[in-house]
Amino acid sequence: MLHYSTEITSGDFVLRDPVTVVTNIMMFIAGLIAWRRLIRDDVTLRAARLWRWFFAGISIASLIGVIVHGLSAYTPDNVHLSIWLTMGLVQSAGVSGAQLATVEQYWPSKLRLLQGFIIAQLVITTIVLISYQTYTIVKYHLAVGILPIMGWHLYQFVNQKKSGIWIAGGVLVSGITGAVHGYRISLSQWFNYNDISHILVIVSVWMMAKGVLMLNEESR
C-alpha cells in the first residue's frame, strides 16, 4: 500500500508526493466551502441541505488523503492500510449522501424503500472494500451511486431546470478522473494522475455546489 512517486526532505522530516498533498488540501478546502454554503439560513430545501454530506465526505476524505499520500513514511503497512480504508469508506458514505438527497427531492413517496437500497449498497461496499482492499471497489460504488444522479439531472435540465446541467456536468467532470486514474495520465512524476484527478474533483465540487444552490432557488 505504501506507493509514492516523489518525496522531499527537510532535516529528518520526509514528505512524500508533495504536490498530491497540496491538491488534497485544496480539495479539502473546496469541499468545506461547499459544505458551509449549504448550511446557511437561506438554504431551506431539505434535499439541498442533505447534499452537504456529499461535500463533507469529499472534504474529510481529502484531509485523510494528506496522511495517506504525504505521511506514509511514518505509517507502518497495517496502520497505513487502516487509514486508506477509512478514506475510501468516507468517500463512499459521501456518495450515499448525494443519493439520499436526490431521493428526498424527487421520490419522497418511495423514500423508505430507496433509503434501504442505498444503505444496503453502502454496507455491501464496506464489506467488499475491507475484504479485497482495492480502490476499484470505491470507484464502482461511485459509478453506481453517482451516474444515475447525473442522468436524472441531465433529464431535469432538458425539462427547463437549470440546476440540472450544473449537477450533471459536475458529475461528468468527476467521472473523467476514472479515465485519468485508469490510464495513469500524468504530466510528470511531480504532477501525476492523482494530482490531475484532484484538480478535476475541485472543478466538479464547484459545479455541483453551484447546481445544488440553484436547486434550492428553483424550489421557492
Protein backbone atom coordinates (compact mmCIF):
# COMPACT_ATOMS: atom_id res chain seq x y z
CA MET A 1 0.00 0.00 0.00
CA LEU A 2 2.96 2.37 0.54
CA HIS A 3 3.23 3.67 -3.03
CA TYR A 4 4.61 7.11 -3.88
CA SER A 5 6.26 8.89 -6.80
CA THR A 6 8.29 11.70 -5.24
CA GLU A 7 9.42 12.93 -1.87
CA ILE A 8 11.13 15.92 -0.34
CA THR A 9 13.09 16.04 2.89
CA SER A 10 13.94 18.74 5.39
CA GLY A 11 16.22 17.51 8.11
CA ASP A 12 14.57 14.39 9.48
CA PHE A 13 11.15 15.26 8.03
CA VAL A 14 10.01 13.40 4.91
CA LEU A 15 7.03 14.50 2.81
CA ARG A 16 6.01 12.16 0.02
CA ASP A 17 4.15 13.24 -3.12
CA PRO A 18 4.10 16.91 -2.04
CA VAL A 19 2.01 18.10 -4.99
CA THR A 20 -0.59 15.46 -4.19
CA VAL A 21 -0.64 16.69 -0.60
CA VAL A 22 -1.24 20.27 -1.82
CA THR A 23 -4.09 19.21 -4.11
CA ASN A 24 -5.58 17.13 -1.29
CA ILE A 25 -5.61 20.24 0.89
CA MET A 26 -7.21 22.17 -1.98
CA MET A 27 -9.94 19.52 -2.25
CA PHE A 28 -10.47 19.65 1.49
CA ILE A 29 -10.97 23.42 1.31
CA ALA A 30 -13.28 23.16 -1.72
CA GLY A 31 -15.44 20.55 -0.03
CA LEU A 32 -15.51 22.55 3.20
CA ILE A 33 -16.60 25.72 1.39
CA ALA A 34 -19.38 23.81 -0.38
CA TRP A 35 -20.50 22.29 2.93
CA ARG A 36 -20.54 25.69 4.60
CA ARG A 37 -22.57 27.25 1.79
CA LEU A 38 -25.23 24.56 2.19
CA ILE A 39 -25.80 25.13 5.90
CA ARG A 40 -26.66 28.81 5.51
CA ASP A 41 -30.06 30.01 6.70
CA ASP A 42 -31.22 30.83 3.16
CA VAL A 43 -30.77 27.18 2.10
CA THR A 44 -34.22 25.95 3.09
CA LEU A 45 -34.70 22.97 0.76
CA ARG A 46 -34.14 19.80 2.79
CA ALA A 47 -32.64 17.95 -0.21
CA ALA A 48 -30.14 20.77 -0.75
CA ARG A 49 -29.09 20.61 2.87
CA LEU A 50 -28.66 16.83 2.59
CA TRP A 51 -26.22 17.37 -0.27
CA ARG A 52 -23.81 18.87 2.25
CA TRP A 53 -22.91 15.36 3.41
CA PHE A 54 -21.63 14.56 -0.06
CA PHE A 55 -19.29 17.54 0.10
CA ALA A 56 -18.36 16.73 3.70
CA GLY A 57 -17.33 13.25 2.53
CA ILE A 58 -15.07 14.72 -0.14
CA SER A 59 -13.59 17.19 2.33
CA ILE A 60 -12.87 14.69 5.11
CA ALA A 61 -11.54 12.03 2.72
CA SER A 62 -9.21 14.61 1.18
CA LEU A 63 -7.84 15.53 4.58
CA ILE A 64 -7.23 11.85 5.32
CA GLY A 65 -5.52 11.68 1.94
CA VAL A 66 -2.84 14.06 3.21
CA ILE A 67 -1.80 11.33 5.65
CA VAL A 68 -2.18 8.54 3.11
CA HIS A 69 -0.02 10.25 0.49
CA GLY A 70 2.20 12.66 2.33
CA LEU A 71 3.00 10.97 5.62
CA SER A 72 3.29 7.34 4.55
CA ALA A 73 6.94 7.35 5.65
CA TYR A 74 5.67 7.43 9.23
CA THR A 75 2.89 4.85 8.98
CA PRO A 76 3.59 1.10 9.13
CA ASP A 77 1.85 -1.01 6.50
CA ASN A 78 -1.01 -2.09 8.76
CA VAL A 79 -1.65 1.44 10.02
CA HIS A 80 -1.44 2.88 6.51
CA LEU A 81 -3.94 0.30 5.30
CA SER A 82 -6.41 1.23 8.05
CA ILE A 83 -6.13 4.92 7.21
CA TRP A 84 -6.51 4.21 3.49
CA LEU A 85 -9.62 2.07 4.11
CA THR A 86 -11.10 4.84 6.24
CA MET A 87 -10.57 7.30 3.39
CA GLY A 88 -12.36 5.00 0.96
CA LEU A 89 -15.27 4.43 3.35
CA VAL A 90 -15.72 8.17 3.95
CA GLN A 91 -15.80 8.76 0.20
CA SER A 92 -18.40 6.02 -0.18
CA ALA A 93 -20.54 7.46 2.61
CA GLY A 94 -20.43 10.84 0.85
CA VAL A 95 -21.81 9.26 -2.31
CA SER A 96 -24.66 7.82 -0.26
CA GLY A 97 -25.38 11.36 0.95
CA ALA A 98 -25.82 12.52 -2.66
CA GLN A 99 -28.13 9.58 -3.34
CA LEU A 100 -30.27 10.32 -0.28
CA ALA A 101 -30.50 14.00 -1.24
CA THR A 102 -31.71 13.11 -4.73
CA VAL A 103 -34.29 10.63 -3.42
CA GLU A 104 -35.53 13.19 -0.89
CA GLN A 105 -36.04 15.75 -3.66
CA TYR A 106 -37.62 13.67 -6.39
CA TRP A 107 -39.07 10.48 -4.91
CA PRO A 108 -40.22 11.29 -1.36
CA SER A 109 -43.08 8.79 -1.61
CA LYS A 110 -40.52 5.98 -2.09
CA LEU A 111 -38.07 7.38 0.44
CA ARG A 112 -38.05 4.43 2.85
CA LEU A 113 -37.63 1.82 0.11
CA LEU A 114 -34.83 3.68 -1.67
CA GLN A 115 -33.14 4.54 1.62
CA GLY A 116 -32.95 0.81 2.32
CA PHE A 117 -31.37 0.21 -1.06
CA ILE A 118 -28.81 3.00 -0.53
CA ILE A 119 -27.87 1.75 2.94
CA ALA A 120 -27.57 -1.83 1.68
CA GLN A 121 -25.32 -0.64 -1.15
CA LEU A 122 -23.06 1.18 1.32
CA VAL A 123 -22.90 -1.83 3.65
CA ILE A 124 -22.01 -4.17 0.78
CA THR A 125 -19.36 -1.72 -0.45
CA THR A 126 -17.88 -1.54 3.05
CA ILE A 127 -17.68 -5.33 3.38
CA VAL A 128 -16.18 -5.82 -0.09
CA LEU A 129 -13.69 -2.95 0.34
CA ILE A 130 -12.42 -4.33 3.64
CA SER A 131 -12.26 -7.84 2.15
CA TYR A 132 -10.49 -7.03 -1.13
CA GLN A 133 -8.70 -3.78 -0.18
CA THR A 134 -8.69 -2.23 -3.63
CA TYR A 135 -9.72 1.28 -4.64
CA THR A 136 -11.60 -0.22 -7.58
CA ILE A 137 -14.42 -1.01 -5.14
CA VAL A 138 -14.75 2.68 -4.24
CA LYS A 139 -14.81 3.61 -7.93
CA TYR A 140 -17.57 1.07 -8.63
CA HIS A 141 -19.61 2.42 -5.73
CA LEU A 142 -19.07 5.94 -7.05
CA ALA A 143 -20.23 4.92 -10.53
CA VAL A 144 -23.32 3.03 -9.34
CA GLY A 145 -24.24 5.82 -6.95
CA ILE A 146 -23.47 8.97 -8.91
CA LEU A 147 -24.02 8.16 -12.60
CA PRO A 148 -27.80 7.75 -12.20
CA ILE A 149 -27.80 11.14 -10.46
CA MET A 150 -26.03 12.62 -13.47
CA GLY A 151 -28.54 11.11 -15.88
CA TRP A 152 -31.51 12.28 -13.82
CA HIS A 153 -30.27 15.85 -13.51
CA LEU A 154 -29.49 15.97 -17.20
CA TYR A 155 -33.13 15.00 -17.73
CA GLN A 156 -34.14 17.80 -15.35
CA PHE A 157 -32.12 20.26 -17.43
CA VAL A 158 -33.92 19.17 -20.57
CA ASN A 159 -37.11 19.93 -18.65
CA GLN A 160 -36.06 23.54 -18.00
CA LYS A 161 -34.26 23.07 -14.65
CA LYS A 162 -31.00 24.99 -14.99
CA SER A 163 -29.62 23.40 -11.84
CA GLY A 164 -29.59 20.07 -13.65
CA ILE A 165 -26.81 20.96 -16.08
CA TRP A 166 -24.50 22.09 -13.27
CA ILE A 167 -25.02 18.96 -11.17
CA ALA A 168 -24.84 16.63 -14.18
CA GLY A 169 -21.82 18.49 -15.57
CA GLY A 170 -20.06 18.30 -12.23
CA VAL A 171 -20.62 14.56 -12.07
CA LEU A 172 -19.29 14.23 -15.63
CA VAL A 173 -16.10 16.14 -14.75
CA SER A 174 -15.66 13.95 -11.69
CA GLY A 175 -16.15 10.86 -13.85
CA ILE A 176 -13.21 11.86 -16.05
CA THR A 177 -10.97 11.11 -13.08
CA GLY A 178 -11.70 7.43 -13.65
CA ALA A 179 -10.02 7.59 -17.06
CA VAL A 180 -7.15 9.66 -15.66
CA HIS A 181 -6.57 7.07 -12.94
CA GLY A 182 -7.16 4.08 -15.18
CA TYR A 183 -4.67 5.22 -17.83
CA ARG A 184 -2.40 6.89 -15.25
CA ILE A 185 -2.33 10.12 -17.26
CA SER A 186 0.46 12.27 -15.82
CA LEU A 187 2.37 15.37 -16.83
CA SER A 188 5.41 14.27 -14.84
CA GLN A 189 6.25 12.34 -11.71
CA TRP A 190 5.79 15.63 -9.84
CA PHE A 191 2.32 16.22 -11.28
CA ASN A 192 0.87 12.78 -11.77
CA TYR A 193 -2.55 11.22 -12.31
CA ASN A 194 -3.51 11.74 -8.67
CA ASP A 195 -2.84 15.47 -8.93
CA ILE A 196 -4.74 15.84 -12.21
CA SER A 197 -7.67 13.90 -10.73
CA HIS A 198 -7.72 16.14 -7.67
CA ILE A 199 -7.90 19.31 -9.80
CA LEU A 200 -10.82 17.80 -11.73
CA VAL A 201 -12.57 16.96 -8.46
CA ILE A 202 -12.20 20.57 -7.31
CA VAL A 203 -13.86 21.77 -10.54
CA SER A 204 -16.55 19.14 -10.05
CA VAL A 205 -17.23 20.26 -6.46
CA TRP A 206 -17.60 23.88 -7.58
CA MET A 207 -20.03 22.94 -10.38
CA MET A 208 -22.14 20.61 -8.24
CA ALA A 209 -22.33 23.05 -5.33
CA LYS A 210 -23.49 25.75 -7.73
CA GLY A 211 -26.12 23.38 -9.09
CA VAL A 212 -27.41 22.44 -5.65
CA LEU A 213 -27.69 26.12 -4.65
CA MET A 214 -29.63 26.76 -7.87
CA LEU A 215 -31.86 23.80 -6.98
CA ASN A 216 -32.62 25.49 -3.69
CA GLU A 217 -33.58 28.71 -5.51
CA GLU A 218 -35.77 26.83 -8.00
CA SER A 219 -37.76 25.27 -5.17
CA ARG A 220 -39.01 28.65 -3.95
